[in-house]
C-alpha atoms as a PDB file:
ATOM      1  CA  UNK A   1      80.242 160.868 103.096  1.00  0.00           C
ATOM      2  CA  UNK A   2      79.560 163.677 105.222  1.00  0.00           C
ATOM      3  CA  UNK A   3      77.109 165.085 108.035  1.00  0.00           C
ATOM      4  CA  UNK A   4      74.219 167.015 106.910  1.00  0.00           C
ATOM      5  CA  UNK A   5      72.850 169.854 109.432  1.00  0.00           C
ATOM      6  CA  UNK A   6      70.261 171.392 107.260  1.00  0.00           C
ATOM      7  CA  UNK A   7      70.575 174.410 104.867  1.00  0.00           C
ATOM      8  CA  UNK A   8      73.967 173.958 103.258  1.00  0.00           C
ATOM      9  CA  UNK A   9      73.670 177.611 102.041  1.00  0.00           C
ATOM     10  CA  UNK A  10      74.119 179.088 105.303  1.00  0.00           C
ATOM     11  CA  UNK A  11      76.999 180.098 107.301  1.00  0.00           C
ATOM     12  CA  UNK A  12      79.785 177.645 108.222  1.00  0.00           C
ATOM     13  CA  UNK A  13      78.554 177.971 111.925  1.00  0.00           C
ATOM     14  CA  UNK A  14      75.413 176.161 111.067  1.00  0.00           C
ATOM     15  CA  UNK A  15      76.789 173.685 108.396  1.00  0.00           C
ATOM     16  CA  UNK A  16      78.392 170.364 109.143  1.00  0.00           C
ATOM     17  CA  UNK A  17      81.665 172.301 110.219  1.00  0.00           C
ATOM     18  CA  UNK A  18      79.490 174.020 112.916  1.00  0.00           C
ATOM     19  CA  UNK A  19      79.696 171.051 115.473  1.00  0.00           C
ATOM     20  CA  UNK A  20      83.271 170.481 114.803  1.00  0.00           C
ATOM     21  CA  UNK A  21      84.497 174.193 115.017  1.00  0.00           C
ATOM     22  CA  UNK A  22      82.203 175.271 117.876  1.00  0.00           C
ATOM     23  CA  UNK A  23      82.063 172.224 120.131  1.00  0.00           C
ATOM     24  CA  UNK A  24      83.676 172.860 123.528  1.00  0.00           C
ATOM     25  CA  UNK A  25      87.322 172.324 123.492  1.00  0.00           C
ATOM     26  CA  UNK A  26      88.656 169.168 125.377  1.00  0.00           C
ATOM     27  CA  UNK A  27      90.501 170.522 128.409  1.00  0.00           C
ATOM     28  CA  UNK A  28      92.370 168.887 131.384  1.00  0.00           C
ATOM     29  CA  UNK A  29      93.252 171.585 134.049  1.00  0.00           C
ATOM     30  CA  UNK A  30      96.191 173.600 132.531  1.00  0.00           C
ATOM     31  CA  UNK A  31      97.189 171.098 129.855  1.00  0.00           C
ATOM     32  CA  UNK A  32      96.833 172.188 126.127  1.00  0.00           C
ATOM     33  CA  UNK A  33      93.453 171.769 124.763  1.00  0.00           C
ATOM     34  CA  UNK A  34      92.626 169.186 122.038  1.00  0.00           C
ATOM     35  CA  UNK A  35      90.405 169.810 119.230  1.00  0.00           C
ATOM     36  CA  UNK A  36      87.769 167.534 118.185  1.00  0.00           C
ATOM     37  CA  UNK A  37      88.382 165.371 115.254  1.00  0.00           C
ATOM     38  CA  UNK A  38      86.079 165.828 112.278  1.00  0.00           C
ATOM     39  CA  UNK A  39      83.945 162.751 112.427  1.00  0.00           C
ATOM     40  CA  UNK A  40      83.542 162.871 108.655  1.00  0.00           C
ATOM     41  CA  UNK A  41      87.265 162.334 107.779  1.00  0.00           C
ATOM     42  CA  UNK A  42      87.806 159.680 110.548  1.00  0.00           C
ATOM     43  CA  UNK A  43      88.478 157.069 108.038  1.00  0.00           C
ATOM     44  CA  UNK A  44      85.555 154.744 109.270  1.00  0.00           C
ATOM     45  CA  UNK A  45      82.123 154.000 107.715  1.00  0.00           C
ATOM     46  CA  UNK A  46      78.839 152.684 108.940  1.00  0.00           C
ATOM     47  CA  UNK A  47      79.353 148.919 109.593  1.00  0.00           C
ATOM     48  CA  UNK A  48      77.079 146.156 110.532  1.00  0.00           C
ATOM     49  CA  UNK A  49      76.098 145.904 114.127  1.00  0.00           C
ATOM     50  CA  UNK A  50      78.098 142.645 114.769  1.00  0.00           C
ATOM     51  CA  UNK A  51      81.100 144.345 112.881  1.00  0.00           C
ATOM     52  CA  UNK A  52      80.751 147.452 115.143  1.00  0.00           C
ATOM     53  CA  UNK A  53      80.394 145.903 118.259  1.00  0.00           C
ATOM     54  CA  UNK A  54      83.650 143.788 117.684  1.00  0.00           C
ATOM     55  CA  UNK A  55      85.716 146.657 116.570  1.00  0.00           C
ATOM     56  CA  UNK A  56      84.624 148.995 119.335  1.00  0.00           C
ATOM     57  CA  UNK A  57      84.416 146.336 122.041  1.00  0.00           C
ATOM     58  CA  UNK A  58      86.408 147.670 125.079  1.00  0.00           C
ATOM     59  CA  UNK A  59      85.682 151.310 124.325  1.00  0.00           C
ATOM     60  CA  UNK A  60      84.812 153.273 127.693  1.00  0.00           C
ATOM     61  CA  UNK A  61      84.078 156.625 128.920  1.00  0.00           C
ATOM     62  CA  UNK A  62      82.860 158.121 132.280  1.00  0.00           C
ATOM     63  CA  UNK A  63      79.722 160.408 132.824  1.00  0.00           C
ATOM     64  CA  UNK A  64      77.723 162.215 135.318  1.00  0.00           C
ATOM     65  CA  UNK A  65      74.443 163.848 135.085  1.00  0.00           C
ATOM     66  CA  UNK A  66      73.611 166.619 137.473  1.00  0.00           C
ATOM     67  CA  UNK A  67      70.236 168.224 137.920  1.00  0.00           C
ATOM     68  CA  UNK A  68      70.239 171.926 137.868  1.00  0.00           C
ATOM     69  CA  UNK A  69      68.172 173.733 140.593  1.00  0.00           C
ATOM     70  CA  UNK A  70      67.142 177.352 139.140  1.00  0.00           C
ATOM     71  CA  UNK A  71      65.620 180.009 141.050  1.00  0.00           C
ATOM     72  CA  UNK A  72      62.856 181.061 138.669  1.00  0.00           C
ATOM     73  CA  UNK A  73      61.854 184.315 140.669  1.00  0.00           C
ATOM     74  CA  UNK A  74      65.259 185.549 142.102  1.00  0.00           C
ATOM     75  CA  UNK A  75      64.722 188.827 144.275  1.00  0.00           C
ATOM     76  CA  UNK A  76      60.970 189.063 143.069  1.00  0.00           C
ATOM     77  CA  UNK A  77      61.853 189.148 139.345  1.00  0.00           C
ATOM     78  CA  UNK A  78      59.564 187.416 136.952  1.00  0.00           C
ATOM     79  CA  UNK A  79      60.567 184.093 135.198  1.00  0.00           C
ATOM     80  CA  UNK A  80      62.763 184.684 132.186  1.00  0.00           C
ATOM     81  CA  UNK A  81      60.975 184.125 128.775  1.00  0.00           C
ATOM     82  CA  UNK A  82      61.602 183.882 125.299  1.00  0.00           C
ATOM     83  CA  UNK A  83      59.894 185.802 122.521  1.00  0.00           C
ATOM     84  CA  UNK A  84      57.048 183.369 122.458  1.00  0.00           C
ATOM     85  CA  UNK A  85      56.757 183.575 126.236  1.00  0.00           C
ATOM     86  CA  UNK A  86      58.093 180.201 126.872  1.00  0.00           C
ATOM     87  CA  UNK A  87      59.726 179.921 130.357  1.00  0.00           C
ATOM     88  CA  UNK A  88      63.638 179.857 129.999  1.00  0.00           C
ATOM     89  CA  UNK A  89      66.572 178.668 132.315  1.00  0.00           C
ATOM     90  CA  UNK A  90      68.329 181.916 133.928  1.00  0.00           C
ATOM     91  CA  UNK A  91      70.989 183.210 132.204  1.00  0.00           C
ATOM     92  CA  UNK A  92      73.334 184.130 135.428  1.00  0.00           C
ATOM     93  CA  UNK A  93      74.959 181.950 137.912  1.00  0.00           C
ATOM     94  CA  UNK A  94      72.903 183.675 140.964  1.00  0.00           C
ATOM     95  CA  UNK A  95      69.688 182.025 139.238  1.00  0.00           C
ATOM     96  CA  UNK A  96      70.830 178.908 140.337  1.00  0.00           C
ATOM     97  CA  UNK A  97      70.805 176.941 143.789  1.00  0.00           C
ATOM     98  CA  UNK A  98      72.911 173.968 144.601  1.00  0.00           C
ATOM     99  CA  UNK A  99      72.721 171.177 142.048  1.00  0.00           C
ATOM    100  CA  UNK A 100      71.566 167.652 142.732  1.00  0.00           C
ATOM    101  CA  UNK A 101      74.646 165.999 142.179  1.00  0.00           C
ATOM    102  CA  UNK A 102      74.754 162.771 140.326  1.00  0.00           C
ATOM    103  CA  UNK A 103      76.766 159.501 140.503  1.00  0.00           C
ATOM    104  CA  UNK A 104      79.578 158.934 138.080  1.00  0.00           C
ATOM    105  CA  UNK A 105      78.969 156.030 135.724  1.00  0.00           C
ATOM    106  CA  UNK A 106      81.272 154.046 133.359  1.00  0.00           C
ATOM    107  CA  UNK A 107      80.011 152.949 130.072  1.00  0.00           C
ATOM    108  CA  UNK A 108      81.720 150.054 128.482  1.00  0.00           C
ATOM    109  CA  UNK A 109      81.318 148.572 125.172  1.00  0.00           C
ATOM    110  CA  UNK A 110      80.901 144.909 125.371  1.00  0.00           C
ATOM    111  CA  UNK A 111      80.478 142.275 122.770  1.00  0.00           C
ATOM    112  CA  UNK A 112      76.881 143.031 122.599  1.00  0.00           C
ATOM    113  CA  UNK A 113      76.644 146.538 123.363  1.00  0.00           C
ATOM    114  CA  UNK A 114      77.254 149.018 125.842  1.00  0.00           C
ATOM    115  CA  UNK A 115      76.888 148.241 129.556  1.00  0.00           C
ATOM    116  CA  UNK A 116      76.992 150.849 132.367  1.00  0.00           C
ATOM    117  CA  UNK A 117      78.290 150.315 135.788  1.00  0.00           C
ATOM    118  CA  UNK A 118      79.107 152.629 138.869  1.00  0.00           C
ATOM    119  CA  UNK A 119      82.719 154.140 138.840  1.00  0.00           C
ATOM    120  CA  UNK A 120      83.070 154.143 142.546  1.00  0.00           C
ATOM    121  CA  UNK A 121      86.612 155.682 142.203  1.00  0.00           C
ATOM    122  CA  UNK A 122      85.135 158.864 140.804  1.00  0.00           C
ATOM    123  CA  UNK A 123      82.832 161.693 141.912  1.00  0.00           C
ATOM    124  CA  UNK A 124      81.623 165.139 140.917  1.00  0.00           C
ATOM    125  CA  UNK A 125      83.501 168.019 142.236  1.00  0.00           C
ATOM    126  CA  UNK A 126      82.691 171.884 142.057  1.00  0.00           C
ATOM    127  CA  UNK A 127      84.532 174.131 144.408  1.00  0.00           C
ATOM    128  CA  UNK A 128      81.724 176.659 144.883  1.00  0.00           C
ATOM    129  CA  UNK A 129      78.287 177.294 143.242  1.00  0.00           C
ATOM    130  CA  UNK A 130      78.751 179.090 140.126  1.00  0.00           C
ATOM    131  CA  UNK A 131      82.214 177.767 139.270  1.00  0.00           C
ATOM    132  CA  UNK A 132      83.088 175.240 136.618  1.00  0.00           C
ATOM    133  CA  UNK A 133      82.991 171.562 138.042  1.00  0.00           C
ATOM    134  CA  UNK A 134      84.104 168.370 136.817  1.00  0.00           C
ATOM    135  CA  UNK A 135      84.442 164.425 137.257  1.00  0.00           C
ATOM    136  CA  UNK A 136      87.489 163.888 139.647  1.00  0.00           C
ATOM    137  CA  UNK A 137      89.113 160.519 140.755  1.00  0.00           C
ATOM    138  CA  UNK A 138      89.253 160.145 144.522  1.00  0.00           C
ATOM    139  CA  UNK A 139      91.108 157.702 147.117  1.00  0.00           C
ATOM    140  CA  UNK A 140      89.738 156.142 149.973  1.00  0.00           C
ATOM    141  CA  UNK A 141      90.145 159.279 152.111  1.00  0.00           C
ATOM    142  CA  UNK A 142      88.403 161.447 149.485  1.00  0.00           C
ATOM    143  CA  UNK A 143      91.544 163.131 148.207  1.00  0.00           C
ATOM    144  CA  UNK A 144      91.589 164.124 144.646  1.00  0.00           C
ATOM    145  CA  UNK A 145      93.981 161.883 142.852  1.00  0.00           C
ATOM    146  CA  UNK A 146      93.184 162.641 138.972  1.00  0.00           C
ATOM    147  CA  UNK A 147      91.197 164.512 136.544  1.00  0.00           C
ATOM    148  CA  UNK A 148      89.936 162.845 133.488  1.00  0.00           C
ATOM    149  CA  UNK A 149      89.816 164.931 130.135  1.00  0.00           C
ATOM    150  CA  UNK A 150      86.390 166.355 129.466  1.00  0.00           C
ATOM    151  CA  UNK A 151      85.248 165.221 126.168  1.00  0.00           C
ATOM    152  CA  UNK A 152      81.638 166.328 126.013  1.00  0.00           C
ATOM    153  CA  UNK A 153      79.417 168.361 127.997  1.00  0.00           C
ATOM    154  CA  UNK A 154      76.048 170.024 127.696  1.00  0.00           C
ATOM    155  CA  UNK A 155      73.024 171.440 129.426  1.00  0.00           C
ATOM    156  CA  UNK A 156      69.677 170.410 128.338  1.00  0.00           C
ATOM    157  CA  UNK A 157      66.291 171.715 129.534  1.00  0.00           C
ATOM    158  CA  UNK A 158      62.564 170.950 129.039  1.00  0.00           C
ATOM    159  CA  UNK A 159      60.644 174.337 129.072  1.00  0.00           C
ATOM    160  CA  UNK A 160      57.121 173.686 128.251  1.00  0.00           C
ATOM    161  CA  UNK A 161      54.795 171.740 125.949  1.00  0.00           C
ATOM    162  CA  UNK A 162      55.509 174.251 123.305  1.00  0.00           C
ATOM    163  CA  UNK A 163      59.348 174.093 124.028  1.00  0.00           C
ATOM    164  CA  UNK A 164      59.927 170.483 124.864  1.00  0.00           C
ATOM    165  CA  UNK A 165      63.883 170.449 124.580  1.00  0.00           C
ATOM    166  CA  UNK A 166      66.570 172.935 124.420  1.00  0.00           C
ATOM    167  CA  UNK A 167      70.304 172.332 124.391  1.00  0.00           C
ATOM    168  CA  UNK A 168      73.522 174.306 124.783  1.00  0.00           C
ATOM    169  CA  UNK A 169      77.144 173.268 124.809  1.00  0.00           C
ATOM    170  CA  UNK A 170      78.165 174.125 128.263  1.00  0.00           C
ATOM    171  CA  UNK A 171      76.987 174.318 131.888  1.00  0.00           C
ATOM    172  CA  UNK A 172      74.282 176.905 132.275  1.00  0.00           C
ATOM    173  CA  UNK A 173      74.820 177.088 136.102  1.00  0.00           C
ATOM    174  CA  UNK A 174      77.900 179.114 135.905  1.00  0.00           C
ATOM    175  CA  UNK A 175      75.858 181.916 133.816  1.00  0.00           C
ATOM    176  CA  UNK A 176      77.166 181.470 130.376  1.00  0.00           C
ATOM    177  CA  UNK A 177      73.919 180.798 128.590  1.00  0.00           C
ATOM    178  CA  UNK A 178      71.933 183.277 126.617  1.00  0.00           C
ATOM    179  CA  UNK A 179      68.560 183.282 124.647  1.00  0.00           C
ATOM    180  CA  UNK A 180      69.635 185.991 121.901  1.00  0.00           C
ATOM    181  CA  UNK A 181      73.140 187.050 120.720  1.00  0.00           C
ATOM    182  CA  UNK A 182      74.438 190.230 122.386  1.00  0.00           C
ATOM    183  CA  UNK A 183      77.284 192.530 121.020  1.00  0.00           C
ATOM    184  CA  UNK A 184      79.222 192.189 124.013  1.00  0.00           C
ATOM    185  CA  UNK A 185      79.228 188.391 124.553  1.00  0.00           C
ATOM    186  CA  UNK A 186      82.526 186.340 124.459  1.00  0.00           C
ATOM    187  CA  UNK A 187      83.622 183.063 123.692  1.00  0.00           C
ATOM    188  CA  UNK A 188      82.457 181.475 126.905  1.00  0.00           C
ATOM    189  CA  UNK A 189      78.996 182.365 126.320  1.00  0.00           C
ATOM    190  CA  UNK A 190      76.735 179.775 124.531  1.00  0.00           C
ATOM    191  CA  UNK A 191      73.308 180.013 122.916  1.00  0.00           C
ATOM    192  CA  UNK A 192      70.259 177.834 123.451  1.00  0.00           C
ATOM    193  CA  UNK A 193      69.098 175.728 120.437  1.00  0.00           C
ATOM    194  CA  UNK A 194      66.048 173.648 119.648  1.00  0.00           C
ATOM    195  CA  UNK A 195      67.369 169.944 119.640  1.00  0.00           C
ATOM    196  CA  UNK A 196      69.751 170.013 116.663  1.00  0.00           C
ATOM    197  CA  UNK A 197      69.267 166.783 114.348  1.00  0.00           C
ATOM    198  CA  UNK A 198      71.574 165.900 111.840  1.00  0.00           C
ATOM    199  CA  UNK A 199      72.100 162.834 109.498  1.00  0.00           C
ATOM    200  CA  UNK A 200      74.912 161.539 107.001  1.00  0.00           C
ATOM    201  CA  UNK A 201      74.102 162.638 103.383  1.00  0.00           C
ATOM    202  CA  UNK A 202      74.491 159.173 102.124  1.00  0.00           C
ATOM    203  CA  UNK A 203      70.616 158.142 102.748  1.00  0.00           C
ATOM    204  CA  UNK A 204      71.703 156.381 105.931  1.00  0.00           C
ATOM    205  CA  UNK A 205      68.419 156.113 108.208  1.00  0.00           C
ATOM    206  CA  UNK A 206      70.016 156.902 111.388  1.00  0.00           C
ATOM    207  CA  UNK A 207      69.288 160.098 113.254  1.00  0.00           C
ATOM    208  CA  UNK A 208      72.114 162.171 115.087  1.00  0.00           C
ATOM    209  CA  UNK A 209      71.950 164.706 117.857  1.00  0.00           C
ATOM    210  CA  UNK A 210      74.272 167.372 118.685  1.00  0.00           C
ATOM    211  CA  UNK A 211      74.556 170.487 120.840  1.00  0.00           C
ATOM    212  CA  UNK A 212      74.227 173.263 118.477  1.00  0.00           C
ATOM    213  CA  UNK A 213      73.643 173.878 114.720  1.00  0.00           C
ATOM    214  CA  UNK A 214      70.429 174.610 112.501  1.00  0.00           C
ATOM    215  CA  UNK A 215      69.654 170.983 112.161  1.00  0.00           C
ATOM    216  CA  UNK A 216      67.036 169.362 110.267  1.00  0.00           C
ATOM    217  CA  UNK A 217      63.355 169.482 111.273  1.00  0.00           C
ATOM    218  CA  UNK A 218      62.550 165.700 111.908  1.00  0.00           C
ATOM    219  CA  UNK A 219      64.258 162.445 112.504  1.00  0.00           C
ATOM    220  CA  UNK A 220      65.598 160.627 109.677  1.00  0.00           C
ATOM    221  CA  UNK A 221      63.527 157.290 109.497  1.00  0.00           C
ATOM    222  CA  UNK A 222      59.948 156.544 110.238  1.00  0.00           C
ATOM    223  CA  UNK A 223      58.686 154.839 113.440  1.00  0.00           C
ATOM    224  CA  UNK A 224      61.370 155.087 115.575  1.00  0.00           C
ATOM    225  CA  UNK A 225      61.022 153.089 119.012  1.00  0.00           C
ATOM    226  CA  UNK A 226      62.680 156.186 120.942  1.00  0.00           C
ATOM    227  CA  UNK A 227      59.827 158.546 119.899  1.00  0.00           C
ATOM    228  CA  UNK A 228      58.223 159.842 122.083  1.00  0.00           C
ATOM    229  CA  UNK A 229      60.387 158.421 125.057  1.00  0.00           C
ATOM    230  CA  UNK A 230      63.722 160.158 124.177  1.00  0.00           C
ATOM    231  CA  UNK A 231      62.980 162.426 121.279  1.00  0.00           C
ATOM    232  CA  UNK A 232      59.669 164.466 121.553  1.00  0.00           C
ATOM    233  CA  UNK A 233      56.900 163.434 119.153  1.00  0.00           C
ATOM    234  CA  UNK A 234      57.102 166.738 117.356  1.00  0.00           C
ATOM    235  CA  UNK A 235      60.264 165.554 115.710  1.00  0.00           C
ATOM    236  CA  UNK A 236      58.628 162.481 114.245  1.00  0.00           C
ATOM    237  CA  UNK A 237      58.689 161.795 110.427  1.00  0.00           C
ATOM    238  CA  UNK A 238      55.752 159.769 109.167  1.00  0.00           C
ATOM    239  CA  UNK A 239      56.565 160.354 105.523  1.00  0.00           C
ATOM    240  CA  UNK A 240      60.254 158.974 105.585  1.00  0.00           C
ATOM    241  CA  UNK A 241      60.921 156.393 103.066  1.00  0.00           C
ATOM    242  CA  UNK A 242      63.172 154.371 105.368  1.00  0.00           C
ATOM    243  CA  UNK A 243      62.306 152.670 108.613  1.00  0.00           C
ATOM    244  CA  UNK A 244      64.441 154.313 111.532  1.00  0.00           C
ATOM    245  CA  UNK A 245      67.843 152.855 111.890  1.00  0.00           C
ATOM    246  CA  UNK A 246      68.388 154.195 115.523  1.00  0.00           C
ATOM    247  CA  UNK A 247      69.523 157.110 117.324  1.00  0.00           C
ATOM    248  CA  UNK A 248      73.158 158.324 118.018  1.00  0.00           C
ATOM    249  CA  UNK A 249      75.251 161.388 118.143  1.00  0.00           C
ATOM    250  CA  UNK A 250      76.673 163.549 121.067  1.00  0.00           C
ATOM    251  CA  UNK A 251      76.790 161.413 124.023  1.00  0.00           C
ATOM    252  CA  UNK A 252      75.989 164.299 126.573  1.00  0.00           C
ATOM    253  CA  UNK A 253      72.840 165.146 124.533  1.00  0.00           C
ATOM    254  CA  UNK A 254      71.720 161.350 124.425  1.00  0.00           C
ATOM    255  CA  UNK A 255      72.399 160.913 128.123  1.00  0.00           C
ATOM    256  CA  UNK A 256      70.411 164.005 128.851  1.00  0.00           C
ATOM    257  CA  UNK A 257      67.415 163.108 126.822  1.00  0.00           C
ATOM    258  CA  UNK A 258      67.265 159.792 128.951  1.00  0.00           C
ATOM    259  CA  UNK A 259      67.442 161.623 132.187  1.00  0.00           C
ATOM    260  CA  UNK A 260      64.100 163.234 131.864  1.00  0.00           C
ATOM    261  CA  UNK A 261      62.652 159.892 132.865  1.00  0.00           C
ATOM    262  CA  UNK A 262      63.866 160.188 136.516  1.00  0.00           C
ATOM    263  CA  UNK A 263      62.138 161.783 139.477  1.00  0.00           C
ATOM    264  CA  UNK A 264      63.275 165.157 140.447  1.00  0.00           C
ATOM    265  CA  UNK A 265      66.695 164.898 142.097  1.00  0.00           C
ATOM    266  CA  UNK A 266      67.353 161.547 141.145  1.00  0.00           C
ATOM    267  CA  UNK A 267      68.749 161.549 137.702  1.00  0.00           C
ATOM    268  CA  UNK A 268      71.137 158.789 138.260  1.00  0.00           C
ATOM    269  CA  UNK A 269      68.250 156.209 139.050  1.00  0.00           C
ATOM    270  CA  UNK A 270      67.914 156.064 135.197  1.00  0.00           C
ATOM    271  CA  UNK A 271      71.421 154.500 134.692  1.00  0.00           C
ATOM    272  CA  UNK A 272      71.501 152.686 137.978  1.00  0.00           C
ATOM    273  CA  UNK A 273      68.545 150.655 137.015  1.00  0.00           C
ATOM    274  CA  UNK A 274      70.135 149.962 133.577  1.00  0.00           C
ATOM    275  CA  UNK A 275      67.486 151.793 131.497  1.00  0.00           C
ATOM    276  CA  UNK A 276      70.049 151.978 128.812  1.00  0.00           C
ATOM    277  CA  UNK A 277      71.590 148.672 128.231  1.00  0.00           C
ATOM    278  CA  UNK A 278      73.407 146.974 125.326  1.00  0.00           C
ATOM    279  CA  UNK A 279      72.718 150.162 123.322  1.00  0.00           C
ATOM    280  CA  UNK A 280      68.822 149.785 123.568  1.00  0.00           C
ATOM    281  CA  UNK A 281      66.474 151.926 125.672  1.00  0.00           C
ATOM    282  CA  UNK A 282      64.577 149.691 127.916  1.00  0.00           C
ATOM    283  CA  UNK A 283      62.741 152.321 129.833  1.00  0.00           C
ATOM    284  CA  UNK A 284      59.453 153.675 129.621  1.00  0.00           C
ATOM    285  CA  UNK A 285      58.332 153.965 125.861  1.00  0.00           C
ATOM    286  CA  UNK A 286      56.140 156.552 126.729  1.00  0.00           C
ATOM    287  CA  UNK A 287      56.934 160.369 126.955  1.00  0.00           C
ATOM    288  CA  UNK A 288      58.718 161.675 130.211  1.00  0.00           C
ATOM    289  CA  UNK A 289      56.197 162.546 132.959  1.00  0.00           C
ATOM    290  CA  UNK A 290      58.512 164.503 135.140  1.00  0.00           C
ATOM    291  CA  UNK A 291      58.592 167.480 132.582  1.00  0.00           C
ATOM    292  CA  UNK A 292      56.608 170.782 132.506  1.00  0.00           C
ATOM    293  CA  UNK A 293      53.239 170.268 130.623  1.00  0.00           C
ATOM    294  CA  UNK A 294      52.278 173.949 130.225  1.00  0.00           C
ATOM    295  CA  UNK A 295      53.875 177.308 129.798  1.00  0.00           C
ATOM    296  CA  UNK A 296      53.102 178.067 133.363  1.00  0.00           C
ATOM    297  CA  UNK A 297      55.468 175.364 134.984  1.00  0.00           C
ATOM    298  CA  UNK A 298      59.060 175.712 135.596  1.00  0.00           C
ATOM    299  CA  UNK A 299      61.602 174.254 133.029  1.00  0.00           C
ATOM    300  CA  UNK A 300      63.600 171.193 134.205  1.00  0.00           C
ATOM    301  CA  UNK A 301      67.091 170.818 133.136  1.00  0.00           C
ATOM    302  CA  UNK A 302      70.336 168.878 133.542  1.00  0.00           C
ATOM    303  CA  UNK A 303      74.165 169.137 133.097  1.00  0.00           C
ATOM    304  CA  UNK A 304      75.860 166.183 131.537  1.00  0.00           C
ATOM    305  CA  UNK A 305      79.657 165.736 131.475  1.00  0.00           C
ATOM    306  CA  UNK A 306      81.321 163.017 129.626  1.00  0.00           C
ATOM    307  CA  UNK A 307      85.186 162.392 130.292  1.00  0.00           C
ATOM    308  CA  UNK A 308      87.681 159.935 128.796  1.00  0.00           C
ATOM    309  CA  UNK A 309      88.363 156.824 130.756  1.00  0.00           C
ATOM    310  CA  UNK A 310      92.196 157.251 130.470  1.00  0.00           C
ATOM    311  CA  UNK A 311      93.306 157.265 134.067  1.00  0.00           C
ATOM    312  CA  UNK A 312      95.124 153.849 134.961  1.00  0.00           C
ATOM    313  CA  UNK A 313      94.106 152.637 138.465  1.00  0.00           C
ATOM    314  CA  UNK A 314      96.685 152.810 140.901  1.00  0.00           C
ATOM    315  CA  UNK A 315      98.933 155.035 138.888  1.00  0.00           C
ATOM    316  CA  UNK A 316      99.677 158.614 139.253  1.00  0.00           C
ATOM    317  CA  UNK A 317      97.559 160.979 136.773  1.00  0.00           C
ATOM    318  CA  UNK A 318     100.236 162.001 134.220  1.00  0.00           C
ATOM    319  CA  UNK A 319     100.923 161.901 130.555  1.00  0.00           C
ATOM    320  CA  UNK A 320     103.341 159.114 130.957  1.00  0.00           C
ATOM    321  CA  UNK A 321     100.878 156.848 132.884  1.00  0.00           C
ATOM    322  CA  UNK A 322      97.587 157.637 131.224  1.00  0.00           C
ATOM    323  CA  UNK A 323      96.212 155.750 128.299  1.00  0.00           C
ATOM    324  CA  UNK A 324      96.824 157.755 125.108  1.00  0.00           C
ATOM    325  CA  UNK A 325      93.939 160.630 124.859  1.00  0.00           C
ATOM    326  CA  UNK A 326      93.986 160.432 121.115  1.00  0.00           C
ATOM    327  CA  UNK A 327      93.127 156.715 121.108  1.00  0.00           C
ATOM    328  CA  UNK A 328      90.385 157.417 123.521  1.00  0.00           C
ATOM    329  CA  UNK A 329      88.965 160.199 121.511  1.00  0.00           C
ATOM    330  CA  UNK A 330      88.941 158.392 118.371  1.00  0.00           C
ATOM    331  CA  UNK A 331      86.911 155.404 119.869  1.00  0.00           C
ATOM    332  CA  UNK A 332      84.440 157.766 121.166  1.00  0.00           C
ATOM    333  CA  UNK A 333      84.018 159.667 118.163  1.00  0.00           C
ATOM    334  CA  UNK A 334      83.591 156.141 116.301  1.00  0.00           C
ATOM    335  CA  UNK A 335      80.852 155.358 118.929  1.00  0.00           C
ATOM    336  CA  UNK A 336      78.790 158.754 118.384  1.00  0.00           C
ATOM    337  CA  UNK A 337      79.336 158.985 114.590  1.00  0.00           C
ATOM    338  CA  UNK A 338      79.967 155.697 113.246  1.00  0.00           C
ATOM    339  CA  UNK A 339      77.588 153.356 115.509  1.00  0.00           C
ATOM    340  CA  UNK A 340      74.085 153.320 116.748  1.00  0.00           C
ATOM    341  CA  UNK A 341      74.051 154.108 120.720  1.00  0.00           C
ATOM    342  CA  UNK A 342      70.188 153.506 120.862  1.00  0.00           C
ATOM    343  CA  UNK A 343      69.019 150.735 118.671  1.00  0.00           C
ATOM    344  CA  UNK A 344      65.629 150.109 117.394  1.00  0.00           C
ATOM    345  CA  UNK A 345      63.523 147.830 119.785  1.00  0.00           C
END
């Protein structure tokens, strides 16, 4: 069983290996980077709902959603556009003002699905605008006492009615995003993609989203309850033989899709109000209203960071004290690629 991203005759960058090979590396300060484990070789299979819940109970992670605040006409210049004249996010850090910082939440898998609570001991920290930021653990005085390992991050924008969703595996506000490839680009640069959708090639009816890759043109099953609320209507598949079995995949992308149901500057409300509960989307069943409707509106976007919940409360952040990062990573991979994070209603 393997993940299918579209045309297998294409390069390895756009095949099932593309997600594994090009996904942002896991980092923890100056510690060695950890590579993602290929979900196709994790030794697990798609299980029944009750069995999945039992095996994954106790799995947790931290996440934050920051709404980015682009300047769409810096220094009197025109809005950046793609070749079809859709407005696009700025490509450089000076094209962004200070972000609307989100609260840090903890997702924990319980016996009947995921539950989200506020992680009061954590907050978002970015030294200065344009620098890399991250989730940090703080004490009562606000001092940083730990830095959890980043395992997923993505920028996600809604640009216009013709370009409803684009994603990229990084933080657009630090100036690393590009519309088109350039000869002098380096490894820190990422490129915007239409929402990449993939599926297992075993006739499973579960749709998976990722941060990059060529993808398939539509969701796997028909009549999903999360279209158009989370995934735009253009991705529907009315001719599918199977009824949709749910939505899963990269956590940073899924959380970003949910965030479009917030008012401007209030992305955390979606999760404070438990719109995603027990692995079901219980928010609006309609398309988000706080997104650009025409090519004349400004794109709206978020940066989502997901971290391991591997720091032990009350203990110093160290390899000796922390929960095994590899164990945490394996559980998160199982959540993303061998379970259903958004079940059908």
